Amino acid sequence: QVELVESGGGSVQAGGSLSLSCAASGFTLIRTCMAWFRQAPGKEREAVATMYTYDFDRLDTYYAHFAEDRFTFSQSTAENTVYLKMTGLQPEDTAMYYCAAQIGGDPETCVPPSGGFDYWGQGTQVTASS
């Protein structure tokens, strides 16, 4: 069965760093769009980054404007896991971070604004305080 399990969240001071992981099971990352979303209390869910994995481990990666200079989206096909390394965290980054998957789609469907994510993890909380 398809399952996404996030881990790595926590609390840091402003300027700190965290690394999130999303372990996927029940499908392969190849020809799949993976994404990180976040949702702060009282606010709408927003995309952080998306990544499409082609054959031969070629990747297309897209970042939200707030993430492109501070966050790094990476993956391991062998481990069937995606990662989000975050640096320079600020209070406005505080949110529940979710991993999502769009399995077997075309790469163009992974270009933001992207949708059709059928599978979601349970989320991991990230808190940055000043």
C-alpha atoms as a PDB file:
ATOM      1  CA  GLN A   1       0.000   0.000   0.000  1.00  0.00           C
ATOM      2  CA  VAL A   2       1.070   3.572  -0.570  1.00  0.00           C
ATOM      3  CA  GLU A   3       2.411   5.310   2.488  1.00  0.00           C
ATOM      4  CA  LEU A   4       4.320   8.513   3.151  1.00  0.00           C
ATOM      5  CA  VAL A   5       5.937   9.063   6.524  1.00  0.00           C
ATOM      6  CA  GLU A   6       7.543  12.386   7.399  1.00  0.00           C
ATOM      7  CA  SER A   7      10.070  12.903  10.140  1.00  0.00           C
ATOM      8  CA  GLY A   8      12.631  15.439  11.277  1.00  0.00           C
ATOM      9  CA  GLY A   9      10.500  18.312  12.469  1.00  0.00           C
ATOM     10  CA  GLY A  10      11.222  20.158  15.657  1.00  0.00           C
ATOM     11  CA  SER A  11      11.779  23.522  17.274  1.00  0.00           C
ATOM     12  CA  VAL A  12      14.650  25.873  16.515  1.00  0.00           C
ATOM     13  CA  GLN A  13      15.609  29.453  17.146  1.00  0.00           C
ATOM     14  CA  ALA A  14      15.372  31.906  14.276  1.00  0.00           C
ATOM     15  CA  GLY A  15      18.238  31.277  11.907  1.00  0.00           C
ATOM     16  CA  GLY A  16      18.398  27.606  12.761  1.00  0.00           C
ATOM     17  CA  SER A  17      18.220  24.584  10.504  1.00  0.00           C
ATOM     18  CA  LEU A  18      16.201  21.409  10.219  1.00  0.00           C
ATOM     19  CA  SER A  19      16.231  18.464   7.847  1.00  0.00           C
ATOM     20  CA  LEU A  20      12.992  16.694   7.040  1.00  0.00           C
ATOM     21  CA  SER A  21      12.606  13.244   5.557  1.00  0.00           C
ATOM     22  CA  CYS A  22       9.701  11.574   3.801  1.00  0.00           C
ATOM     23  CA  ALA A  23       9.943   7.828   3.423  1.00  0.00           C
ATOM     24  CA  ALA A  24       7.766   6.481   0.628  1.00  0.00           C
ATOM     25  CA  SER A  25       6.504   2.948   0.275  1.00  0.00           C
ATOM     26  CA  GLY A  26       4.206   1.197  -2.161  1.00  0.00           C
ATOM     27  CA  PHE A  27       5.523   3.031  -5.238  1.00  0.00           C
ATOM     28  CA  THR A  28       8.720   4.208  -6.870  1.00  0.00           C
ATOM     29  CA  LEU A  29       9.910   7.796  -7.064  1.00  0.00           C
ATOM     30  CA  ILE A  30      10.624   7.367 -10.783  1.00  0.00           C
ATOM     31  CA  ARG A  31       7.990   9.088 -12.904  1.00  0.00           C
ATOM     32  CA  THR A  32       6.536  10.553  -9.756  1.00  0.00           C
ATOM     33  CA  CYS A  33       6.022  14.109  -8.597  1.00  0.00           C
ATOM     34  CA  MET A  34       6.888  14.538  -4.958  1.00  0.00           C
ATOM     35  CA  ALA A  35       6.144  17.703  -3.065  1.00  0.00           C
ATOM     36  CA  TRP A  36       6.521  19.400   0.259  1.00  0.00           C
ATOM     37  CA  PHE A  37       3.633  21.528   1.451  1.00  0.00           C
ATOM     38  CA  ARG A  38       3.198  23.486   4.630  1.00  0.00           C
ATOM     39  CA  GLN A  39       0.270  24.901   6.525  1.00  0.00           C
ATOM     40  CA  ALA A  40       0.433  27.362   9.377  1.00  0.00           C
ATOM     41  CA  PRO A  41      -2.426  27.728  11.865  1.00  0.00           C
ATOM     42  CA  GLY A  42      -5.229  29.791  10.395  1.00  0.00           C
ATOM     43  CA  LYS A  43      -3.606  29.925   6.970  1.00  0.00           C
ATOM     44  CA  GLU A  44      -4.048  28.051   3.721  1.00  0.00           C
ATOM     45  CA  ARG A  45      -1.806  25.207   2.712  1.00  0.00           C
ATOM     46  CA  GLU A  46       0.987  26.273   0.378  1.00  0.00           C
ATOM     47  CA  ALA A  47       3.524  24.426  -1.717  1.00  0.00           C
ATOM     48  CA  VAL A  48       7.133  24.615  -0.608  1.00  0.00           C
ATOM     49  CA  ALA A  49       8.777  22.681  -3.425  1.00  0.00           C
ATOM     50  CA  THR A  50       8.079  19.998  -6.005  1.00  0.00           C
ATOM     51  CA  MET A  51      10.325  17.457  -7.661  1.00  0.00           C
ATOM     52  CA  TYR A  52       9.837  15.130 -10.606  1.00  0.00           C
ATOM     53  CA  THR A  53      12.128  12.137 -10.942  1.00  0.00           C
ATOM     54  CA  TYR A  54      12.775  10.807 -14.450  1.00  0.00           C
ATOM     55  CA  ASP A  55      14.495   7.647 -15.523  1.00  0.00           C
ATOM     56  CA  PHE A  56      18.259   7.658 -14.891  1.00  0.00           C
ATOM     57  CA  ASP A  57      17.708   9.859 -11.825  1.00  0.00           C
ATOM     58  CA  ARG A  58      17.255  13.056 -13.783  1.00  0.00           C
ATOM     59  CA  LEU A  59      15.359  15.559 -11.673  1.00  0.00           C
ATOM     60  CA  ASP A  60      13.283  18.671 -12.158  1.00  0.00           C
ATOM     61  CA  THR A  61      12.948  20.700  -8.980  1.00  0.00           C
ATOM     62  CA  TYR A  62      10.860  23.781  -8.309  1.00  0.00           C
ATOM     63  CA  TYR A  63      10.812  26.001  -5.245  1.00  0.00           C
ATOM     64  CA  ALA A  64       8.425  28.548  -3.878  1.00  0.00           C
ATOM     65  CA  HIS A  65       9.980  31.996  -3.738  1.00  0.00           C
ATOM     66  CA  PHE A  66      10.376  31.852   0.016  1.00  0.00           C
ATOM     67  CA  ALA A  67      12.217  28.536  -0.213  1.00  0.00           C
ATOM     68  CA  GLU A  68      14.535  28.823  -3.192  1.00  0.00           C
ATOM     69  CA  ASP A  69      17.440  30.426  -1.343  1.00  0.00           C
ATOM     70  CA  ARG A  70      17.166  28.607   1.963  1.00  0.00           C
ATOM     71  CA  PHE A  71      15.658  25.175   1.361  1.00  0.00           C
ATOM     72  CA  THR A  72      17.011  22.225  -0.582  1.00  0.00           C
ATOM     73  CA  PHE A  73      14.796  19.450  -1.920  1.00  0.00           C
ATOM     74  CA  SER A  74      16.658  16.215  -2.576  1.00  0.00           C
ATOM     75  CA  GLN A  75      15.868  12.550  -2.997  1.00  0.00           C
ATOM     76  CA  SER A  76      17.305   9.087  -2.892  1.00  0.00           C
ATOM     77  CA  THR A  77      15.845   6.650  -5.393  1.00  0.00           C
ATOM     78  CA  ALA A  78      17.624   3.794  -3.670  1.00  0.00           C
ATOM     79  CA  GLU A  79      16.087   4.702  -0.322  1.00  0.00           C
ATOM     80  CA  ASN A  80      12.757   5.760  -1.854  1.00  0.00           C
ATOM     81  CA  THR A  81      12.956   8.826   0.328  1.00  0.00           C
ATOM     82  CA  VAL A  82      12.815  12.565  -0.270  1.00  0.00           C
ATOM     83  CA  TYR A  83      14.350  15.218   1.934  1.00  0.00           C
ATOM     84  CA  LEU A  84      13.916  18.885   2.672  1.00  0.00           C
ATOM     85  CA  LYS A  85      16.905  20.622   4.222  1.00  0.00           C
ATOM     86  CA  MET A  86      15.971  23.993   5.626  1.00  0.00           C
ATOM     87  CA  THR A  87      18.327  26.727   6.762  1.00  0.00           C
ATOM     88  CA  GLY A  88      17.789  30.232   8.015  1.00  0.00           C
ATOM     89  CA  LEU A  89      14.424  29.323   9.487  1.00  0.00           C
ATOM     90  CA  GLN A  90      12.268  32.239  10.552  1.00  0.00           C
ATOM     91  CA  PRO A  91       9.059  32.454  12.589  1.00  0.00           C
ATOM     92  CA  GLU A  92       7.056  32.733   9.376  1.00  0.00           C
ATOM     93  CA  ASP A  93       8.302  29.272   8.429  1.00  0.00           C
ATOM     94  CA  THR A  94       6.501  27.782  11.414  1.00  0.00           C
ATOM     95  CA  ALA A  95       3.964  25.302  10.063  1.00  0.00           C
ATOM     96  CA  MET A  96       3.035  21.693   9.701  1.00  0.00           C
ATOM     97  CA  TYR A  97       5.055  20.325   6.806  1.00  0.00           C
ATOM     98  CA  TYR A  98       3.535  17.619   4.636  1.00  0.00           C
ATOM     99  CA  CYS A  99       4.938  15.284   2.041  1.00  0.00           C
ATOM    100  CA  ALA A 100       2.730  14.478  -0.957  1.00  0.00           C
ATOM    101  CA  ALA A 101       2.941  12.266  -4.039  1.00  0.00           C
ATOM    102  CA  GLN A 102       1.490  12.308  -7.538  1.00  0.00           C
ATOM    103  CA  ILE A 103       2.315   8.871  -8.844  1.00  0.00           C
ATOM    104  CA  GLY A 104       2.983   7.997 -12.474  1.00  0.00           C
ATOM    105  CA  GLY A 105       2.111  11.373 -13.946  1.00  0.00           C
ATOM    106  CA  ASP A 106       3.703  13.464 -16.659  1.00  0.00           C
ATOM    107  CA  PRO A 107       6.484  15.850 -15.645  1.00  0.00           C
ATOM    108  CA  GLU A 108       4.475  18.889 -16.674  1.00  0.00           C
ATOM    109  CA  THR A 109       1.969  18.107 -13.953  1.00  0.00           C
ATOM    110  CA  CYS A 110       4.728  18.731 -11.406  1.00  0.00           C
ATOM    111  CA  VAL A 111       5.359  22.313 -12.514  1.00  0.00           C
ATOM    112  CA  PRO A 112       3.797  24.778 -10.074  1.00  0.00           C
ATOM    113  CA  PRO A 113       1.019  25.417  -9.588  1.00  0.00           C
ATOM    114  CA  SER A 114       0.735  21.691  -9.293  1.00  0.00           C
ATOM    115  CA  GLY A 115      -2.114  19.595  -8.062  1.00  0.00           C
ATOM    116  CA  GLY A 116      -3.485  16.126  -8.168  1.00  0.00           C
ATOM    117  CA  PHE A 117      -1.517  14.857  -5.191  1.00  0.00           C
ATOM    118  CA  ASP A 118      -3.346  11.722  -4.220  1.00  0.00           C
ATOM    119  CA  TYR A 119      -1.215  10.663  -1.291  1.00  0.00           C
ATOM    120  CA  TRP A 120      -0.173  12.615   1.765  1.00  0.00           C
ATOM    121  CA  GLY A 121       1.879  12.018   4.841  1.00  0.00           C
ATOM    122  CA  GLN A 122       0.763  12.763   8.358  1.00  0.00           C
ATOM    123  CA  GLY A 123       2.875  15.894   8.625  1.00  0.00           C
ATOM    124  CA  THR A 124       5.743  16.952  10.831  1.00  0.00           C
ATOM    125  CA  GLN A 125       5.739  20.147  12.861  1.00  0.00           C
ATOM    126  CA  VAL A 126       8.384  22.802  12.284  1.00  0.00           C
ATOM    127  CA  THR A 127       8.624  25.682  14.732  1.00  0.00           C
ATOM    128  CA  ALA A 128      11.044  28.589  14.516  1.00  0.00           C
ATOM    129  CA  SER A 129      10.956  31.195  17.247  1.00  0.00           C
ATOM    130  CA  SER A 130      12.689  34.518  17.724  1.00  0.00           C
END
